[in-house]
Amino acid sequence: MDAESSAIIVLVTTSTQEEAEKIGRMLIEAKLAACTNIVSGIRSIFRWDNNISVENECLMLIKTTQKRFAELESAVRQQHSYSVPEIVALPVVAGSESYLNWVRGETDK
């Protein structure tokens, strides 16, 4: 299997569950992701504009492939309310082959 078809998990935080659901649905409809999990109730602590902030957020766990990442990133940026959204991709180093085949199939153009 080539690197382009390797599965990845993309982490994206949003300010609300509604925003996460809107972005998640858009990614699935566009076949940019096979699945999006939304974890509500996280607390994020970060420095922004030289101040330490503590905010309630939602975390999206987006399953896709390396070859779909650039389009996924662009789509998230267009829909996201943050000026600098978190969009971080992590490699999947191992997993159920049938699940990974499903991810590849669901994100194939």
N, C-alpha and C. Protein backbone atom coordinates (compact mmCIF):
# COMPACT_ATOMS: atom_id res chain seq x y z
N MET A 1 0.85 -1.19 0.00
CA MET A 1 0.00 0.00 0.00
C MET A 1 0.89 1.25 0.00
N ASP A 2 0.53 2.23 -0.82
CA ASP A 2 1.32 3.45 -0.89
C ASP A 2 0.96 4.39 0.27
N ALA A 3 1.85 5.34 0.54
CA ALA A 3 1.65 6.27 1.66
C ALA A 3 0.40 7.11 1.49
N GLU A 4 0.05 7.44 0.25
CA GLU A 4 -1.13 8.26 -0.01
C GLU A 4 -2.42 7.62 0.49
N SER A 5 -2.50 6.29 0.43
CA SER A 5 -3.73 5.61 0.85
C SER A 5 -3.70 5.21 2.32
N SER A 6 -2.64 5.60 3.04
CA SER A 6 -2.55 5.29 4.47
C SER A 6 -3.61 6.06 5.24
N ALA A 7 -4.21 5.37 6.21
CA ALA A 7 -5.21 6.01 7.06
C ALA A 7 -4.55 6.97 8.04
N ILE A 8 -5.23 8.06 8.32
CA ILE A 8 -4.79 9.02 9.32
C ILE A 8 -5.99 9.41 10.18
N ILE A 9 -5.69 9.94 11.35
CA ILE A 9 -6.72 10.51 12.21
C ILE A 9 -6.40 11.99 12.35
N VAL A 10 -7.38 12.83 12.04
CA VAL A 10 -7.20 14.27 12.11
C VAL A 10 -7.94 14.79 13.33
N LEU A 11 -7.23 15.55 14.17
CA LEU A 11 -7.81 16.16 15.35
C LEU A 11 -8.18 17.60 15.03
N VAL A 12 -9.42 17.97 15.34
CA VAL A 12 -9.90 19.34 15.15
C VAL A 12 -10.72 19.69 16.38
N THR A 13 -10.45 20.85 16.98
CA THR A 13 -11.28 21.32 18.08
C THR A 13 -12.23 22.40 17.56
N THR A 14 -13.42 22.45 18.17
CA THR A 14 -14.42 23.46 17.81
C THR A 14 -14.96 24.08 19.09
N SER A 15 -15.61 25.21 18.94
CA SER A 15 -16.14 25.91 20.12
C SER A 15 -17.45 25.31 20.61
N THR A 16 -18.19 24.63 19.72
CA THR A 16 -19.48 24.05 20.12
C THR A 16 -19.68 22.70 19.45
N GLN A 17 -20.60 21.93 20.01
CA GLN A 17 -20.96 20.64 19.42
C GLN A 17 -21.65 20.86 18.08
N GLU A 18 -22.46 21.90 17.98
CA GLU A 18 -23.15 22.20 16.73
C GLU A 18 -22.16 22.47 15.60
N GLU A 19 -21.11 23.22 15.90
CA GLU A 19 -20.09 23.49 14.87
C GLU A 19 -19.40 22.20 14.47
N ALA A 20 -19.07 21.35 15.43
CA ALA A 20 -18.42 20.07 15.13
C ALA A 20 -19.32 19.20 14.26
N GLU A 21 -20.62 19.15 14.57
CA GLU A 21 -21.55 18.35 13.78
C GLU A 21 -21.69 18.89 12.36
N LYS A 22 -21.72 20.21 12.22
CA LYS A 22 -21.82 20.83 10.89
C LYS A 22 -20.59 20.48 10.05
N ILE A 23 -19.41 20.62 10.63
CA ILE A 23 -18.17 20.31 9.92
C ILE A 23 -18.10 18.82 9.62
N GLY A 24 -18.43 18.00 10.61
CA GLY A 24 -18.38 16.55 10.43
C GLY A 24 -19.29 16.08 9.31
N ARG A 25 -20.52 16.56 9.30
CA ARG A 25 -21.48 16.18 8.25
C ARG A 25 -20.97 16.60 6.87
N MET A 26 -20.42 17.82 6.77
CA MET A 26 -19.90 18.31 5.51
C MET A 26 -18.75 17.41 5.02
N LEU A 27 -17.87 16.99 5.92
CA LEU A 27 -16.73 16.14 5.53
C LEU A 27 -17.20 14.77 5.03
N ILE A 28 -18.22 14.21 5.69
CA ILE A 28 -18.74 12.90 5.28
C ILE A 28 -19.45 13.03 3.93
N GLU A 29 -20.28 14.05 3.77
CA GLU A 29 -21.00 14.24 2.51
C GLU A 29 -20.04 14.42 1.34
N ALA A 30 -18.91 15.10 1.57
CA ALA A 30 -17.92 15.35 0.51
C ALA A 30 -16.95 14.19 0.33
N LYS A 31 -17.13 13.10 1.10
CA LYS A 31 -16.24 11.94 1.06
C LYS A 31 -14.79 12.30 1.41
N LEU A 32 -14.63 13.35 2.21
CA LEU A 32 -13.31 13.72 2.69
C LEU A 32 -12.95 12.96 3.96
N ALA A 33 -13.93 12.34 4.60
CA ALA A 33 -13.73 11.54 5.80
C ALA A 33 -14.69 10.36 5.77
N ALA A 34 -14.28 9.26 6.39
CA ALA A 34 -15.14 8.09 6.51
C ALA A 34 -15.99 8.17 7.76
N CYS A 35 -15.46 8.78 8.80
CA CYS A 35 -16.14 8.83 10.10
C CYS A 35 -15.59 10.00 10.89
N THR A 36 -16.47 10.63 11.65
CA THR A 36 -16.05 11.69 12.56
C THR A 36 -16.67 11.42 13.92
N ASN A 37 -15.84 11.30 14.94
CA ASN A 37 -16.32 11.19 16.32
C ASN A 37 -16.22 12.57 16.95
N ILE A 38 -17.22 12.92 17.77
CA ILE A 38 -17.22 14.20 18.46
C ILE A 38 -17.21 13.95 19.95
N VAL A 39 -16.21 14.48 20.62
CA VAL A 39 -16.08 14.34 22.06
C VAL A 39 -16.38 15.70 22.68
N SER A 40 -17.50 15.78 23.39
CA SER A 40 -17.90 17.05 24.02
C SER A 40 -17.30 17.16 25.42
N GLY A 41 -17.28 18.38 25.90
CA GLY A 41 -16.91 18.60 27.29
C GLY A 41 -15.43 18.60 27.59
N ILE A 42 -14.59 18.89 26.61
CA ILE A 42 -13.17 18.98 26.91
C ILE A 42 -12.84 20.40 27.34
N ARG A 43 -11.81 20.55 28.14
CA ARG A 43 -11.31 21.86 28.56
C ARG A 43 -9.95 22.05 27.93
N SER A 44 -9.77 23.15 27.25
CA SER A 44 -8.50 23.46 26.60
C SER A 44 -7.86 24.65 27.30
N ILE A 45 -6.58 24.52 27.56
CA ILE A 45 -5.79 25.60 28.17
C ILE A 45 -4.70 25.94 27.16
N PHE A 46 -4.63 27.21 26.77
CA PHE A 46 -3.69 27.61 25.73
C PHE A 46 -3.36 29.09 25.86
N ARG A 47 -2.27 29.48 25.22
CA ARG A 47 -1.88 30.89 25.17
C ARG A 47 -2.36 31.47 23.86
N TRP A 48 -3.09 32.59 23.92
CA TRP A 48 -3.56 33.28 22.72
C TRP A 48 -3.47 34.77 22.97
N ASP A 49 -2.85 35.50 22.05
CA ASP A 49 -2.66 36.95 22.19
C ASP A 49 -2.01 37.29 23.53
N ASN A 50 -1.01 36.51 23.89
CA ASN A 50 -0.22 36.72 25.11
C ASN A 50 -1.00 36.54 26.41
N ASN A 51 -2.16 35.91 26.34
CA ASN A 51 -2.96 35.61 27.52
C ASN A 51 -3.20 34.12 27.60
N ILE A 52 -3.27 33.60 28.81
CA ILE A 52 -3.62 32.20 28.99
C ILE A 52 -5.14 32.11 29.02
N SER A 53 -5.66 31.26 28.16
CA SER A 53 -7.12 31.07 28.05
C SER A 53 -7.49 29.66 28.49
N VAL A 54 -8.67 29.52 29.07
CA VAL A 54 -9.25 28.22 29.41
C VAL A 54 -10.65 28.22 28.81
N GLU A 55 -10.90 27.30 27.89
CA GLU A 55 -12.17 27.28 27.15
C GLU A 55 -12.77 25.89 27.12
N ASN A 56 -14.09 25.82 27.06
CA ASN A 56 -14.80 24.57 26.77
C ASN A 56 -14.79 24.39 25.27
N GLU A 57 -14.47 23.18 24.82
CA GLU A 57 -14.45 22.90 23.39
C GLU A 57 -14.95 21.48 23.14
N CYS A 58 -15.10 21.15 21.88
CA CYS A 58 -15.37 19.79 21.43
C CYS A 58 -14.16 19.34 20.62
N LEU A 59 -13.87 18.06 20.70
CA LEU A 59 -12.77 17.49 19.93
C LEU A 59 -13.33 16.56 18.88
N MET A 60 -12.94 16.78 17.64
CA MET A 60 -13.32 15.92 16.54
C MET A 60 -12.18 14.96 16.24
N LEU A 61 -12.50 13.67 16.10
CA LEU A 61 -11.55 12.65 15.68
C LEU A 61 -12.02 12.20 14.30
N ILE A 62 -11.30 12.61 13.28
CA ILE A 62 -11.74 12.43 11.90
C ILE A 62 -10.87 11.36 11.24
N LYS A 63 -11.53 10.30 10.73
CA LYS A 63 -10.81 9.23 10.07
C LYS A 63 -10.85 9.44 8.56
N THR A 64 -9.65 9.49 7.96
CA THR A 64 -9.53 9.74 6.52
C THR A 64 -8.23 9.12 6.03
N THR A 65 -7.79 9.51 4.84
CA THR A 65 -6.52 9.02 4.30
C THR A 65 -5.59 10.21 4.03
N GLN A 66 -4.32 9.89 3.93
CA GLN A 66 -3.32 10.92 3.67
C GLN A 66 -3.63 11.70 2.39
N LYS A 67 -4.09 11.00 1.34
CA LYS A 67 -4.34 11.69 0.07
C LYS A 67 -5.51 12.66 0.15
N ARG A 68 -6.39 12.54 1.13
CA ARG A 68 -7.54 13.45 1.27
C ARG A 68 -7.26 14.60 2.24
N PHE A 69 -6.09 14.58 2.89
CA PHE A 69 -5.82 15.56 3.94
C PHE A 69 -5.87 17.01 3.45
N ALA A 70 -5.21 17.33 2.36
CA ALA A 70 -5.15 18.73 1.91
C ALA A 70 -6.55 19.28 1.64
N GLU A 71 -7.40 18.50 0.98
CA GLU A 71 -8.77 18.94 0.73
C GLU A 71 -9.57 19.06 2.02
N LEU A 72 -9.37 18.10 2.92
CA LEU A 72 -10.05 18.13 4.22
C LEU A 72 -9.65 19.38 5.00
N GLU A 73 -8.35 19.66 5.04
CA GLU A 73 -7.87 20.85 5.76
C GLU A 73 -8.50 22.12 5.19
N SER A 74 -8.53 22.23 3.88
CA SER A 74 -9.11 23.41 3.24
C SER A 74 -10.59 23.54 3.57
N ALA A 75 -11.32 22.43 3.52
CA ALA A 75 -12.76 22.45 3.82
C ALA A 75 -13.02 22.84 5.28
N VAL A 76 -12.21 22.32 6.20
CA VAL A 76 -12.38 22.67 7.62
C VAL A 76 -12.10 24.16 7.80
N ARG A 77 -11.03 24.67 7.21
CA ARG A 77 -10.71 26.10 7.34
C ARG A 77 -11.86 26.99 6.85
N GLN A 78 -12.50 26.59 5.76
CA GLN A 78 -13.60 27.39 5.20
C GLN A 78 -14.81 27.42 6.12
N GLN A 79 -15.06 26.33 6.86
CA GLN A 79 -16.26 26.23 7.69
C GLN A 79 -16.03 26.61 9.16
N HIS A 80 -14.78 26.67 9.59
CA HIS A 80 -14.45 26.82 11.01
C HIS A 80 -14.58 28.27 11.48
N SER A 81 -15.00 28.43 12.72
CA SER A 81 -15.17 29.78 13.28
C SER A 81 -13.87 30.38 13.80
N TYR A 82 -12.85 29.55 14.05
CA TYR A 82 -11.58 30.06 14.58
C TYR A 82 -10.72 30.61 13.45
N SER A 83 -9.97 31.67 13.72
CA SER A 83 -9.04 32.19 12.72
C SER A 83 -7.85 31.24 12.53
N VAL A 84 -7.48 30.51 13.57
CA VAL A 84 -6.40 29.53 13.50
C VAL A 84 -6.90 28.22 14.13
N PRO A 85 -7.67 27.43 13.37
CA PRO A 85 -8.18 26.19 13.94
C PRO A 85 -7.09 25.13 14.09
N GLU A 86 -7.26 24.30 15.11
CA GLU A 86 -6.39 23.14 15.26
C GLU A 86 -6.78 22.12 14.20
N ILE A 87 -5.82 21.75 13.36
CA ILE A 87 -6.01 20.70 12.35
C ILE A 87 -4.70 19.91 12.35
N VAL A 88 -4.69 18.80 13.07
CA VAL A 88 -3.47 18.02 13.27
C VAL A 88 -3.72 16.58 12.83
N ALA A 89 -2.90 16.06 11.94
CA ALA A 89 -3.05 14.69 11.46
C ALA A 89 -2.05 13.76 12.15
N LEU A 90 -2.56 12.61 12.57
CA LEU A 90 -1.73 11.58 13.20
C LEU A 90 -1.78 10.31 12.35
N PRO A 91 -0.65 9.62 12.19
CA PRO A 91 -0.67 8.40 11.40
C PRO A 91 -1.35 7.26 12.16
N VAL A 92 -1.99 6.38 11.42
CA VAL A 92 -2.49 5.13 11.99
C VAL A 92 -1.42 4.09 11.72
N VAL A 93 -0.76 3.61 12.75
CA VAL A 93 0.35 2.68 12.56
C VAL A 93 -0.10 1.23 12.46
N ALA A 94 -1.28 0.93 12.96
CA ALA A 94 -1.83 -0.42 12.86
C ALA A 94 -3.32 -0.33 13.10
N GLY A 95 -4.05 -1.32 12.60
CA GLY A 95 -5.49 -1.36 12.82
C GLY A 95 -6.11 -2.54 12.11
N SER A 96 -7.37 -2.74 12.37
CA SER A 96 -8.13 -3.79 11.71
C SER A 96 -8.13 -3.55 10.21
N GLU A 97 -7.63 -4.49 9.45
CA GLU A 97 -7.51 -4.29 8.00
C GLU A 97 -8.88 -4.05 7.36
N SER A 98 -9.92 -4.73 7.85
CA SER A 98 -11.24 -4.52 7.28
C SER A 98 -11.74 -3.10 7.55
N TYR A 99 -11.45 -2.56 8.75
CA TYR A 99 -11.84 -1.18 9.06
C TYR A 99 -11.05 -0.19 8.20
N LEU A 100 -9.75 -0.41 8.08
CA LEU A 100 -8.92 0.50 7.29
C LEU A 100 -9.31 0.45 5.81
N ASN A 101 -9.70 -0.72 5.31
CA ASN A 101 -10.20 -0.81 3.93
C ASN A 101 -11.48 -0.01 3.78
N TRP A 102 -12.35 -0.06 4.81
CA TRP A 102 -13.59 0.72 4.78
C TRP A 102 -13.27 2.22 4.72
N VAL A 103 -12.31 2.68 5.54
CA VAL A 103 -11.92 4.10 5.53
C VAL A 103 -11.45 4.48 4.13
N ARG A 104 -10.60 3.67 3.54
CA ARG A 104 -10.10 3.95 2.19
C ARG A 104 -11.24 3.99 1.18
N GLY A 105 -12.16 3.04 1.27
CA GLY A 105 -13.29 3.00 0.34
C GLY A 105 -14.22 4.19 0.48
N GLU A 106 -14.50 4.61 1.70
CA GLU A 106 -15.40 5.72 1.95
C GLU A 106 -14.83 7.08 1.54
N THR A 107 -13.51 7.17 1.44
CA THR A 107 -12.87 8.44 1.10
C THR A 107 -12.31 8.45 -0.33
N ASP A 108 -12.59 7.37 -1.07
CA ASP A 108 -12.12 7.29 -2.45
C ASP A 108 -13.02 8.17 -3.32
N LYS A 109 -12.41 8.97 -4.19
CA LYS A 109 -13.19 9.88 -5.06
C LYS A 109 -14.02 9.11 -6.05
